[in-house]
Amino acid sequence: MTTPLSQFNADLSAASTADAAQAALHRLADTLIGAKLFTVMTVDMETELASRSYTSDPESYPTSGTKPITRNSWFNHVHDEHKMFVANTLADIADVFPDHELIGSLGCGSVINLPVVHKGELIATVNMLDAEQHYTPERQQIALEQLTLPALATLLTVAQLEG
């Protein structure tokens, strides 16, 4: 019997493109905790820009372009403290994300932003969104315990593939 993690390992090992590597992480996250919307945002603190390197919804959330990093309570929590951010209602999402109306229109009302940290620095966030109240304490624990290391492995693989 193939476990989700062993399937991820096989998929990541076989990935020859950044998109394929991140798709492997997407499948793992969807299998373990579910995600109607899944994105990966890389961060460059020297330029203070974030860019979407992977998306499950290229029409609503394309991978092109960059956006300035906004220093707010979410930034402090995820970027500075390297803690996972969770919101389980659209109202809570609206407190920190200006695109909350688009998020809601996609049937999403809860989010987990999982920080990916390498050498003590945040290099990306893995963003999983689903229906309101979807990210129960159990799913949050699974994200921390079973997605943190695969997310780092994925981002390091992407860096190697992109040279």
C-alpha atoms as a PDB file:
ATOM      1  CA  MET A   1       0.000   0.000   0.000  1.00  0.00           C
ATOM      2  CA  THR A   2       1.343   3.399  -1.002  1.00  0.00           C
ATOM      3  CA  THR A   3       1.134   6.093   1.671  1.00  0.00           C
ATOM      4  CA  PRO A   4       0.602   9.762   0.798  1.00  0.00           C
ATOM      5  CA  LEU A   5       4.156  10.569   1.889  1.00  0.00           C
ATOM      6  CA  SER A   6       5.738   7.748  -0.122  1.00  0.00           C
ATOM      7  CA  GLN A   7       3.751   8.876  -3.181  1.00  0.00           C
ATOM      8  CA  PHE A   8       4.959  12.440  -2.598  1.00  0.00           C
ATOM      9  CA  ASN A   9       8.556  11.222  -2.333  1.00  0.00           C
ATOM     10  CA  ALA A  10       8.221   9.363  -5.640  1.00  0.00           C
ATOM     11  CA  ASP A  11       6.553  12.344  -7.333  1.00  0.00           C
ATOM     12  CA  LEU A  12       9.119  14.840  -6.033  1.00  0.00           C
ATOM     13  CA  SER A  13      12.017  12.587  -7.007  1.00  0.00           C
ATOM     14  CA  ALA A  14      10.628  12.283 -10.539  1.00  0.00           C
ATOM     15  CA  ALA A  15       9.924  16.012 -10.943  1.00  0.00           C
ATOM     16  CA  SER A  16      11.928  17.616 -13.721  1.00  0.00           C
ATOM     17  CA  THR A  17      10.272  21.050 -13.518  1.00  0.00           C
ATOM     18  CA  ALA A  18       9.450  23.459 -10.713  1.00  0.00           C
ATOM     19  CA  ASP A  19       5.754  23.145 -11.530  1.00  0.00           C
ATOM     20  CA  ALA A  20       5.894  19.337 -11.248  1.00  0.00           C
ATOM     21  CA  ALA A  21       7.671  19.549  -7.891  1.00  0.00           C
ATOM     22  CA  GLN A  22       5.106  21.988  -6.497  1.00  0.00           C
ATOM     23  CA  ALA A  23       2.239  19.927  -7.944  1.00  0.00           C
ATOM     24  CA  ALA A  24       3.554  16.971  -5.915  1.00  0.00           C
ATOM     25  CA  LEU A  25       3.295  19.077  -2.741  1.00  0.00           C
ATOM     26  CA  HIS A  26      -0.176  20.218  -3.777  1.00  0.00           C
ATOM     27  CA  ARG A  27      -1.348  16.605  -4.152  1.00  0.00           C
ATOM     28  CA  LEU A  28       0.101  15.702  -0.759  1.00  0.00           C
ATOM     29  CA  ALA A  29      -1.594  18.660   0.965  1.00  0.00           C
ATOM     30  CA  ASP A  30      -4.898  17.944  -0.740  1.00  0.00           C
ATOM     31  CA  THR A  31      -4.713  14.295   0.303  1.00  0.00           C
ATOM     32  CA  LEU A  32      -3.763  15.038   3.920  1.00  0.00           C
ATOM     33  CA  ILE A  33      -5.918  18.062   4.776  1.00  0.00           C
ATOM     34  CA  GLY A  34      -7.773  19.206   1.645  1.00  0.00           C
ATOM     35  CA  ALA A  35      -7.355  22.435  -0.316  1.00  0.00           C
ATOM     36  CA  LYS A  36      -9.818  23.942  -2.798  1.00  0.00           C
ATOM     37  CA  LEU A  37      -7.147  26.547  -3.564  1.00  0.00           C
ATOM     38  CA  PHE A  38      -3.423  25.889  -3.211  1.00  0.00           C
ATOM     39  CA  THR A  39      -0.653  28.395  -3.904  1.00  0.00           C
ATOM     40  CA  VAL A  40       3.017  28.849  -3.108  1.00  0.00           C
ATOM     41  CA  MET A  41       4.386  32.356  -2.582  1.00  0.00           C
ATOM     42  CA  THR A  42       8.128  32.912  -2.558  1.00  0.00           C
ATOM     43  CA  VAL A  43       9.544  35.930  -0.767  1.00  0.00           C
ATOM     44  CA  ASP A  44      12.546  38.124  -1.436  1.00  0.00           C
ATOM     45  CA  MET A  45      13.187  40.250   1.620  1.00  0.00           C
ATOM     46  CA  GLU A  46      15.983  42.209  -0.103  1.00  0.00           C
ATOM     47  CA  THR A  47      13.493  43.631  -2.612  1.00  0.00           C
ATOM     48  CA  GLU A  48      10.510  43.173  -0.242  1.00  0.00           C
ATOM     49  CA  LEU A  49       8.569  41.423  -3.016  1.00  0.00           C
ATOM     50  CA  ALA A  50       6.520  38.250  -2.998  1.00  0.00           C
ATOM     51  CA  SER A  51       5.729  36.205  -6.086  1.00  0.00           C
ATOM     52  CA  ARG A  52       3.389  33.308  -6.686  1.00  0.00           C
ATOM     53  CA  SER A  53       5.432  30.375  -7.967  1.00  0.00           C
ATOM     54  CA  TYR A  54       2.569  27.847  -8.073  1.00  0.00           C
ATOM     55  CA  THR A  55      -1.203  28.011  -8.198  1.00  0.00           C
ATOM     56  CA  SER A  56      -4.068  25.569  -8.502  1.00  0.00           C
ATOM     57  CA  ASP A  57      -6.221  28.357  -9.999  1.00  0.00           C
ATOM     58  CA  PRO A  58      -4.193  30.234 -12.643  1.00  0.00           C
ATOM     59  CA  GLU A  59      -7.229  32.247 -13.751  1.00  0.00           C
ATOM     60  CA  SER A  60      -7.946  33.772 -10.326  1.00  0.00           C
ATOM     61  CA  TYR A  61      -4.394  33.629  -8.945  1.00  0.00           C
ATOM     62  CA  PRO A  62      -1.843  33.652 -11.801  1.00  0.00           C
ATOM     63  CA  THR A  63       1.847  33.037 -11.248  1.00  0.00           C
ATOM     64  CA  SER A  64       2.927  36.131 -13.171  1.00  0.00           C
ATOM     65  CA  GLY A  65       4.215  39.262 -11.516  1.00  0.00           C
ATOM     66  CA  THR A  66       5.135  40.258  -7.990  1.00  0.00           C
ATOM     67  CA  LYS A  67       3.499  42.129  -5.144  1.00  0.00           C
ATOM     68  CA  PRO A  68       5.021  44.253  -2.396  1.00  0.00           C
ATOM     69  CA  ILE A  69       5.296  42.694   1.035  1.00  0.00           C
ATOM     70  CA  THR A  70       2.925  44.368   3.484  1.00  0.00           C
ATOM     71  CA  ARG A  71       4.127  44.610   7.067  1.00  0.00           C
ATOM     72  CA  ASN A  72       1.114  43.861   9.256  1.00  0.00           C
ATOM     73  CA  SER A  73       0.114  41.424  12.006  1.00  0.00           C
ATOM     74  CA  TRP A  74       0.082  38.550   9.491  1.00  0.00           C
ATOM     75  CA  PHE A  75       3.606  39.481   8.361  1.00  0.00           C
ATOM     76  CA  ASN A  76       4.849  39.507  11.961  1.00  0.00           C
ATOM     77  CA  HIS A  77       3.239  36.141  12.691  1.00  0.00           C
ATOM     78  CA  VAL A  78       4.373  34.300   9.543  1.00  0.00           C
ATOM     79  CA  HIS A  79       7.489  36.135   8.363  1.00  0.00           C
ATOM     80  CA  ASP A  80       9.068  37.245  11.615  1.00  0.00           C
ATOM     81  CA  GLU A  81       7.949  34.505  14.020  1.00  0.00           C
ATOM     82  CA  HIS A  82       7.815  31.697  11.389  1.00  0.00           C
ATOM     83  CA  LYS A  83       4.448  30.532  12.736  1.00  0.00           C
ATOM     84  CA  MET A  84       1.630  28.975  10.745  1.00  0.00           C
ATOM     85  CA  PHE A  85      -1.310  31.329  10.223  1.00  0.00           C
ATOM     86  CA  VAL A  86      -4.832  29.924  10.375  1.00  0.00           C
ATOM     87  CA  ALA A  87      -8.165  31.651   9.816  1.00  0.00           C
ATOM     88  CA  ASN A  88     -11.360  29.631   9.698  1.00  0.00           C
ATOM     89  CA  THR A  89     -13.901  32.257   8.656  1.00  0.00           C
ATOM     90  CA  LEU A  90     -14.084  34.646   5.744  1.00  0.00           C
ATOM     91  CA  ALA A  91     -14.421  37.498   8.260  1.00  0.00           C
ATOM     92  CA  ASP A  92     -11.092  36.520   9.820  1.00  0.00           C
ATOM     93  CA  ILE A  93      -9.529  36.275   6.353  1.00  0.00           C
ATOM     94  CA  ALA A  94     -10.867  39.757   5.542  1.00  0.00           C
ATOM     95  CA  ASP A  95      -8.943  41.145   8.529  1.00  0.00           C
ATOM     96  CA  VAL A  96      -5.610  40.394   6.837  1.00  0.00           C
ATOM     97  CA  PHE A  97      -6.160  39.742   3.125  1.00  0.00           C
ATOM     98  CA  PRO A  98      -7.513  42.477   0.820  1.00  0.00           C
ATOM     99  CA  ASP A  99      -8.614  39.838  -1.739  1.00  0.00           C
ATOM    100  CA  HIS A 100     -11.101  38.262   0.687  1.00  0.00           C
ATOM    101  CA  GLU A 101     -14.032  38.816  -1.685  1.00  0.00           C
ATOM    102  CA  LEU A 102     -12.310  36.803  -4.417  1.00  0.00           C
ATOM    103  CA  ILE A 103     -11.426  34.115  -1.873  1.00  0.00           C
ATOM    104  CA  GLY A 104     -15.075  33.895  -0.808  1.00  0.00           C
ATOM    105  CA  SER A 105     -16.285  33.787  -4.423  1.00  0.00           C
ATOM    106  CA  LEU A 106     -14.153  30.663  -4.911  1.00  0.00           C
ATOM    107  CA  GLY A 107     -15.987  28.894  -2.082  1.00  0.00           C
ATOM    108  CA  CYS A 108     -13.165  29.384   0.377  1.00  0.00           C
ATOM    109  CA  GLY A 109     -13.529  30.695   3.893  1.00  0.00           C
ATOM    110  CA  SER A 110     -10.586  29.188   5.742  1.00  0.00           C
ATOM    111  CA  VAL A 111      -6.841  29.334   5.188  1.00  0.00           C
ATOM    112  CA  ILE A 112      -3.579  27.885   6.392  1.00  0.00           C
ATOM    113  CA  ASN A 113      -0.386  29.758   5.502  1.00  0.00           C
ATOM    114  CA  LEU A 114       2.502  27.409   6.240  1.00  0.00           C
ATOM    115  CA  PRO A 115       5.886  29.153   6.422  1.00  0.00           C
ATOM    116  CA  VAL A 116       8.833  27.509   4.667  1.00  0.00           C
ATOM    117  CA  VAL A 117      12.058  28.389   6.471  1.00  0.00           C
ATOM    118  CA  HIS A 118      15.601  27.657   5.280  1.00  0.00           C
ATOM    119  CA  LYS A 119      18.761  28.720   7.122  1.00  0.00           C
ATOM    120  CA  GLY A 120      16.614  30.653   9.579  1.00  0.00           C
ATOM    121  CA  GLU A 121      14.974  32.760   6.863  1.00  0.00           C
ATOM    122  CA  LEU A 122      11.473  32.584   5.437  1.00  0.00           C
ATOM    123  CA  ILE A 123      11.731  31.622   1.765  1.00  0.00           C
ATOM    124  CA  ALA A 124       8.068  30.940   0.981  1.00  0.00           C
ATOM    125  CA  THR A 125       4.595  30.286   2.267  1.00  0.00           C
ATOM    126  CA  VAL A 126       2.421  27.351   1.266  1.00  0.00           C
ATOM    127  CA  ASN A 127      -1.169  28.575   1.192  1.00  0.00           C
ATOM    128  CA  MET A 128      -4.099  26.195   1.477  1.00  0.00           C
ATOM    129  CA  LEU A 129      -7.689  27.427   1.378  1.00  0.00           C
ATOM    130  CA  ASP A 130     -11.000  25.622   1.725  1.00  0.00           C
ATOM    131  CA  ALA A 131     -14.550  26.099   3.057  1.00  0.00           C
ATOM    132  CA  GLU A 132     -15.188  27.903   6.341  1.00  0.00           C
ATOM    133  CA  GLN A 133     -14.175  25.940   9.457  1.00  0.00           C
ATOM    134  CA  HIS A 134     -12.359  23.352   7.295  1.00  0.00           C
ATOM    135  CA  TYR A 135      -8.998  23.645   9.023  1.00  0.00           C
ATOM    136  CA  THR A 136      -9.858  21.984  12.313  1.00  0.00           C
ATOM    137  CA  PRO A 137      -7.245  21.639  15.055  1.00  0.00           C
ATOM    138  CA  GLU A 138      -6.586  18.104  13.762  1.00  0.00           C
ATOM    139  CA  ARG A 139      -5.936  19.322  10.222  1.00  0.00           C
ATOM    140  CA  GLN A 140      -3.741  22.119  11.551  1.00  0.00           C
ATOM    141  CA  GLN A 141      -1.641  19.570  13.439  1.00  0.00           C
ATOM    142  CA  ILE A 142      -1.332  17.412  10.311  1.00  0.00           C
ATOM    143  CA  ALA A 143      -0.171  20.449   8.349  1.00  0.00           C
ATOM    144  CA  LEU A 144       2.534  21.214  10.899  1.00  0.00           C
ATOM    145  CA  GLU A 145       3.682  17.630  11.364  1.00  0.00           C
ATOM    146  CA  GLN A 146       3.343  16.240   7.848  1.00  0.00           C
ATOM    147  CA  LEU A 147       3.661  19.166   5.431  1.00  0.00           C
ATOM    148  CA  THR A 148       6.464  21.302   6.893  1.00  0.00           C
ATOM    149  CA  LEU A 149       9.362  19.086   5.816  1.00  0.00           C
ATOM    150  CA  PRO A 150       7.832  18.180   2.410  1.00  0.00           C
ATOM    151  CA  ALA A 151       7.300  21.914   1.770  1.00  0.00           C
ATOM    152  CA  LEU A 152      10.970  22.630   2.479  1.00  0.00           C
ATOM    153  CA  ALA A 153      12.064  19.686   0.309  1.00  0.00           C
ATOM    154  CA  THR A 154       9.843  20.993  -2.486  1.00  0.00           C
ATOM    155  CA  LEU A 155      11.209  24.548  -2.349  1.00  0.00           C
ATOM    156  CA  LEU A 156      14.805  23.307  -2.261  1.00  0.00           C
ATOM    157  CA  THR A 157      14.050  21.042  -5.235  1.00  0.00           C
ATOM    158  CA  VAL A 158      12.511  23.994  -7.081  1.00  0.00           C
ATOM    159  CA  ALA A 159      15.631  26.079  -6.382  1.00  0.00           C
ATOM    160  CA  GLN A 160      17.833  23.318  -7.754  1.00  0.00           C
ATOM    161  CA  LEU A 161      15.668  22.802 -10.839  1.00  0.00           C
ATOM    162  CA  GLU A 162      15.663  26.532 -11.588  1.00  0.00           C
ATOM    163  CA  GLY A 163      19.445  26.634 -11.166  1.00  0.00           C
END
